[in-house]
Amino acid sequence: LAALEPAQVAEAAANAPVRTTEVRLALARVKIELGAADEAGALLDELDAERPGDWRVGWYRAVGLLARGRTAEAEPLFDRMYGLLPGEA
C-alpha cells in the first residue's frame, strides 16, 4: 500500500474485507492527507471508543491537527504520545 497514491490507499482500505484497527488507522491517515479531516476524526472517534488508550489514535489526531495548521493544539498531544513511548522521548 505504501507505493500507492493516497486516494488509492483510501479506496483499498475502505474496501478491505476485514476492517482491522490497522486498516482503519491507515484510512484515517490517508483521509488526513486528502484533507478530509472530519472523516478521519470520525474514524478516530470509533477507534478511541473501541480501543481506549491506544496511543496511535492520539498520534493521528495530532497529525490531523498539524495538517490543518493547528500546531498549538497538536503539540500537547504529541508530547503525551512521546511520554507514553519511553524509548522515543
N, C-alpha and C. Protein backbone atom coordinates (compact mmCIF):
# COMPACT_ATOMS: atom_id res chain seq x y z
N LEU A 1 0.81 -1.21 0.00
CA LEU A 1 0.00 0.00 0.00
C LEU A 1 0.84 1.26 0.00
N ALA A 2 2.05 1.18 0.52
CA ALA A 2 2.88 2.38 0.64
C ALA A 2 3.22 2.99 -0.70
N ALA A 3 3.24 2.20 -1.77
CA ALA A 3 3.60 2.72 -3.09
C ALA A 3 2.42 3.35 -3.81
N LEU A 4 1.23 3.23 -3.26
CA LEU A 4 0.03 3.77 -3.91
C LEU A 4 -0.17 5.23 -3.56
N GLU A 5 -0.93 5.91 -4.39
CA GLU A 5 -1.34 7.29 -4.11
C GLU A 5 -2.35 7.27 -2.96
N PRO A 6 -2.46 8.37 -2.19
CA PRO A 6 -3.39 8.39 -1.06
C PRO A 6 -4.82 7.99 -1.42
N ALA A 7 -5.33 8.44 -2.54
CA ALA A 7 -6.70 8.09 -2.92
C ALA A 7 -6.84 6.59 -3.16
N GLN A 8 -5.79 5.98 -3.70
CA GLN A 8 -5.81 4.53 -3.93
C GLN A 8 -5.76 3.77 -2.61
N VAL A 9 -4.97 4.26 -1.68
CA VAL A 9 -4.90 3.64 -0.35
C VAL A 9 -6.26 3.76 0.33
N ALA A 10 -6.89 4.93 0.23
CA ALA A 10 -8.21 5.13 0.84
C ALA A 10 -9.21 4.14 0.28
N GLU A 11 -9.20 3.97 -1.03
CA GLU A 11 -10.13 3.03 -1.66
C GLU A 11 -9.85 1.60 -1.21
N ALA A 12 -8.58 1.22 -1.20
CA ALA A 12 -8.21 -0.14 -0.78
C ALA A 12 -8.61 -0.39 0.68
N ALA A 13 -8.36 0.58 1.54
CA ALA A 13 -8.70 0.42 2.96
C ALA A 13 -10.21 0.38 3.16
N ALA A 14 -10.93 1.25 2.44
CA ALA A 14 -12.39 1.28 2.57
C ALA A 14 -13.02 -0.01 2.10
N ASN A 15 -12.39 -0.68 1.15
CA ASN A 15 -12.94 -1.92 0.59
C ASN A 15 -12.28 -3.17 1.15
N ALA A 16 -11.47 -3.03 2.17
CA ALA A 16 -10.79 -4.19 2.75
C ALA A 16 -11.83 -5.18 3.29
N PRO A 17 -11.60 -6.46 3.07
CA PRO A 17 -12.57 -7.45 3.54
C PRO A 17 -12.69 -7.50 5.07
N VAL A 18 -11.62 -7.15 5.76
CA VAL A 18 -11.64 -7.10 7.22
C VAL A 18 -11.16 -5.71 7.63
N ARG A 19 -11.97 -5.02 8.43
CA ARG A 19 -11.61 -3.66 8.84
C ARG A 19 -10.93 -3.70 10.21
N THR A 20 -9.68 -4.12 10.20
CA THR A 20 -8.91 -4.19 11.43
C THR A 20 -8.58 -2.78 11.92
N THR A 21 -8.06 -2.71 13.11
CA THR A 21 -7.60 -1.43 13.64
C THR A 21 -6.58 -0.80 12.70
N GLU A 22 -5.65 -1.61 12.22
CA GLU A 22 -4.60 -1.09 11.35
C GLU A 22 -5.16 -0.56 10.04
N VAL A 23 -6.15 -1.24 9.48
CA VAL A 23 -6.78 -0.78 8.24
C VAL A 23 -7.47 0.56 8.48
N ARG A 24 -8.17 0.69 9.59
CA ARG A 24 -8.86 1.95 9.88
C ARG A 24 -7.89 3.07 10.20
N LEU A 25 -6.77 2.75 10.84
CA LEU A 25 -5.75 3.78 11.06
C LEU A 25 -5.14 4.23 9.74
N ALA A 26 -4.90 3.30 8.83
CA ALA A 26 -4.39 3.66 7.50
C ALA A 26 -5.39 4.53 6.77
N LEU A 27 -6.66 4.21 6.89
CA LEU A 27 -7.70 5.01 6.25
C LEU A 27 -7.75 6.41 6.86
N ALA A 28 -7.64 6.50 8.18
CA ALA A 28 -7.62 7.82 8.84
C ALA A 28 -6.43 8.64 8.35
N ARG A 29 -5.27 7.98 8.24
CA ARG A 29 -4.06 8.70 7.79
C ARG A 29 -4.25 9.27 6.39
N VAL A 30 -4.78 8.47 5.47
CA VAL A 30 -4.94 8.99 4.11
C VAL A 30 -6.06 10.01 4.03
N LYS A 31 -7.07 9.89 4.88
CA LYS A 31 -8.11 10.92 4.92
C LYS A 31 -7.49 12.25 5.35
N ILE A 32 -6.58 12.21 6.30
CA ILE A 32 -5.88 13.42 6.72
C ILE A 32 -5.08 13.98 5.55
N GLU A 33 -4.35 13.11 4.85
CA GLU A 33 -3.55 13.55 3.70
C GLU A 33 -4.42 14.15 2.61
N LEU A 34 -5.63 13.63 2.45
CA LEU A 34 -6.53 14.11 1.39
C LEU A 34 -7.35 15.32 1.83
N GLY A 35 -7.15 15.78 3.07
CA GLY A 35 -7.86 16.95 3.56
C GLY A 35 -9.26 16.67 4.07
N ALA A 36 -9.57 15.41 4.32
CA ALA A 36 -10.89 15.02 4.83
C ALA A 36 -10.80 14.82 6.34
N ALA A 37 -10.54 15.91 7.04
CA ALA A 37 -10.29 15.84 8.48
C ALA A 37 -11.51 15.35 9.25
N ASP A 38 -12.71 15.74 8.83
CA ASP A 38 -13.91 15.30 9.55
C ASP A 38 -14.09 13.79 9.45
N GLU A 39 -13.84 13.23 8.27
CA GLU A 39 -13.95 11.78 8.08
C GLU A 39 -12.89 11.06 8.91
N ALA A 40 -11.68 11.59 8.91
CA ALA A 40 -10.61 11.00 9.72
C ALA A 40 -10.98 11.06 11.19
N GLY A 41 -11.51 12.19 11.61
CA GLY A 41 -11.92 12.35 13.01
C GLY A 41 -12.98 11.36 13.42
N ALA A 42 -13.94 11.09 12.54
CA ALA A 42 -15.00 10.12 12.84
C ALA A 42 -14.41 8.72 13.01
N LEU A 43 -13.48 8.35 12.13
CA LEU A 43 -12.81 7.05 12.26
C LEU A 43 -12.04 6.96 13.57
N LEU A 44 -11.34 8.02 13.91
CA LEU A 44 -10.56 8.03 15.14
C LEU A 44 -11.46 7.99 16.37
N ASP A 45 -12.63 8.63 16.30
CA ASP A 45 -13.59 8.55 17.40
C ASP A 45 -14.05 7.11 17.62
N GLU A 46 -14.35 6.41 16.52
CA GLU A 46 -14.76 5.00 16.61
C GLU A 46 -13.66 4.16 17.26
N LEU A 47 -12.44 4.36 16.78
CA LEU A 47 -11.32 3.59 17.31
C LEU A 47 -11.07 3.90 18.78
N ASP A 48 -11.20 5.16 19.15
CA ASP A 48 -10.97 5.56 20.54
C ASP A 48 -12.00 4.90 21.45
N ALA A 49 -13.24 4.78 20.98
CA ALA A 49 -14.28 4.13 21.77
C ALA A 49 -14.00 2.63 21.93
N GLU A 50 -13.47 2.02 20.88
CA GLU A 50 -13.19 0.58 20.90
C GLU A 50 -11.88 0.24 21.59
N ARG A 51 -10.91 1.13 21.46
CA ARG A 51 -9.56 0.85 21.96
C ARG A 51 -9.05 2.03 22.80
N PRO A 52 -9.72 2.31 23.91
CA PRO A 52 -9.27 3.44 24.72
C PRO A 52 -7.82 3.24 25.16
N GLY A 53 -7.06 4.28 25.05
CA GLY A 53 -5.66 4.21 25.46
C GLY A 53 -4.70 3.81 24.36
N ASP A 54 -5.22 3.49 23.17
CA ASP A 54 -4.32 3.15 22.06
C ASP A 54 -3.62 4.43 21.62
N TRP A 55 -2.31 4.49 21.80
CA TRP A 55 -1.55 5.72 21.53
C TRP A 55 -1.66 6.14 20.07
N ARG A 56 -1.89 5.21 19.16
CA ARG A 56 -1.93 5.54 17.73
C ARG A 56 -3.10 6.46 17.39
N VAL A 57 -4.20 6.31 18.11
CA VAL A 57 -5.35 7.18 17.88
C VAL A 57 -4.98 8.62 18.20
N GLY A 58 -4.36 8.83 19.35
CA GLY A 58 -3.91 10.17 19.73
C GLY A 58 -2.88 10.73 18.77
N TRP A 59 -1.99 9.86 18.30
CA TRP A 59 -0.97 10.28 17.34
C TRP A 59 -1.62 10.82 16.07
N TYR A 60 -2.57 10.07 15.52
CA TYR A 60 -3.21 10.52 14.28
C TYR A 60 -4.09 11.74 14.50
N ARG A 61 -4.66 11.88 15.69
CA ARG A 61 -5.39 13.13 16.00
C ARG A 61 -4.42 14.31 15.92
N ALA A 62 -3.24 14.14 16.51
CA ALA A 62 -2.24 15.20 16.48
C ALA A 62 -1.78 15.48 15.06
N VAL A 63 -1.57 14.44 14.27
CA VAL A 63 -1.18 14.62 12.87
C VAL A 63 -2.25 15.39 12.11
N GLY A 64 -3.52 15.05 12.37
CA GLY A 64 -4.62 15.76 11.72
C GLY A 64 -4.65 17.24 12.08
N LEU A 65 -4.42 17.54 13.34
CA LEU A 65 -4.37 18.94 13.76
C LEU A 65 -3.20 19.66 13.10
N LEU A 66 -2.06 19.01 13.07
CA LEU A 66 -0.87 19.59 12.44
C LEU A 66 -1.12 19.85 10.96
N ALA A 67 -1.77 18.93 10.29
CA ALA A 67 -2.06 19.08 8.86
C ALA A 67 -2.97 20.27 8.59
N ARG A 68 -3.78 20.63 9.57
CA ARG A 68 -4.68 21.78 9.42
C ARG A 68 -4.07 23.06 9.98
N GLY A 69 -2.79 23.00 10.33
CA GLY A 69 -2.11 24.19 10.82
C GLY A 69 -2.42 24.54 12.26
N ARG A 70 -2.98 23.62 13.01
CA ARG A 70 -3.36 23.87 14.40
C ARG A 70 -2.27 23.32 15.33
N THR A 71 -1.09 23.92 15.19
CA THR A 71 0.08 23.41 15.91
C THR A 71 -0.04 23.53 17.43
N ALA A 72 -0.67 24.60 17.90
CA ALA A 72 -0.80 24.78 19.35
C ALA A 72 -1.64 23.67 19.97
N GLU A 73 -2.61 23.15 19.23
CA GLU A 73 -3.43 22.05 19.73
C GLU A 73 -2.72 20.70 19.55
N ALA A 74 -1.93 20.59 18.50
CA ALA A 74 -1.24 19.33 18.22
C ALA A 74 -0.09 19.07 19.19
N GLU A 75 0.60 20.12 19.59
CA GLU A 75 1.80 19.95 20.41
C GLU A 75 1.57 19.17 21.70
N PRO A 76 0.54 19.50 22.51
CA PRO A 76 0.37 18.72 23.74
C PRO A 76 0.00 17.26 23.47
N LEU A 77 -0.69 16.99 22.37
CA LEU A 77 -0.99 15.60 22.02
C LEU A 77 0.28 14.84 21.67
N PHE A 78 1.15 15.47 20.89
CA PHE A 78 2.43 14.83 20.56
C PHE A 78 3.26 14.62 21.83
N ASP A 79 3.27 15.61 22.72
CA ASP A 79 4.01 15.46 23.98
C ASP A 79 3.49 14.27 24.78
N ARG A 80 2.18 14.12 24.81
CA ARG A 80 1.58 12.99 25.54
C ARG A 80 2.01 11.67 24.90
N MET A 81 2.01 11.61 23.58
CA MET A 81 2.39 10.37 22.90
C MET A 81 3.85 10.02 23.19
N TYR A 82 4.72 11.02 23.17
CA TYR A 82 6.13 10.77 23.48
C TYR A 82 6.29 10.27 24.91
N GLY A 83 5.46 10.78 25.81
CA GLY A 83 5.51 10.32 27.19
C GLY A 83 5.07 8.87 27.35
N LEU A 84 4.18 8.42 26.47
CA LEU A 84 3.70 7.04 26.53
C LEU A 84 4.69 6.05 25.95
N LEU A 85 5.62 6.55 25.15
CA LEU A 85 6.60 5.69 24.48
C LEU A 85 7.98 6.01 25.03
N PRO A 86 8.35 5.42 26.16
CA PRO A 86 9.58 5.82 26.85
C PRO A 86 10.84 5.81 26.00
N GLY A 87 10.98 4.89 25.10
CA GLY A 87 12.19 4.84 24.28
C GLY A 87 12.24 5.91 23.22
N GLU A 88 11.13 6.60 23.00
CA GLU A 88 11.05 7.61 21.95
C GLU A 88 11.29 9.01 22.48
N ALA A 89 11.15 9.22 23.77
CA ALA A 89 11.25 10.57 24.33
C ALA A 89 12.68 11.04 24.36
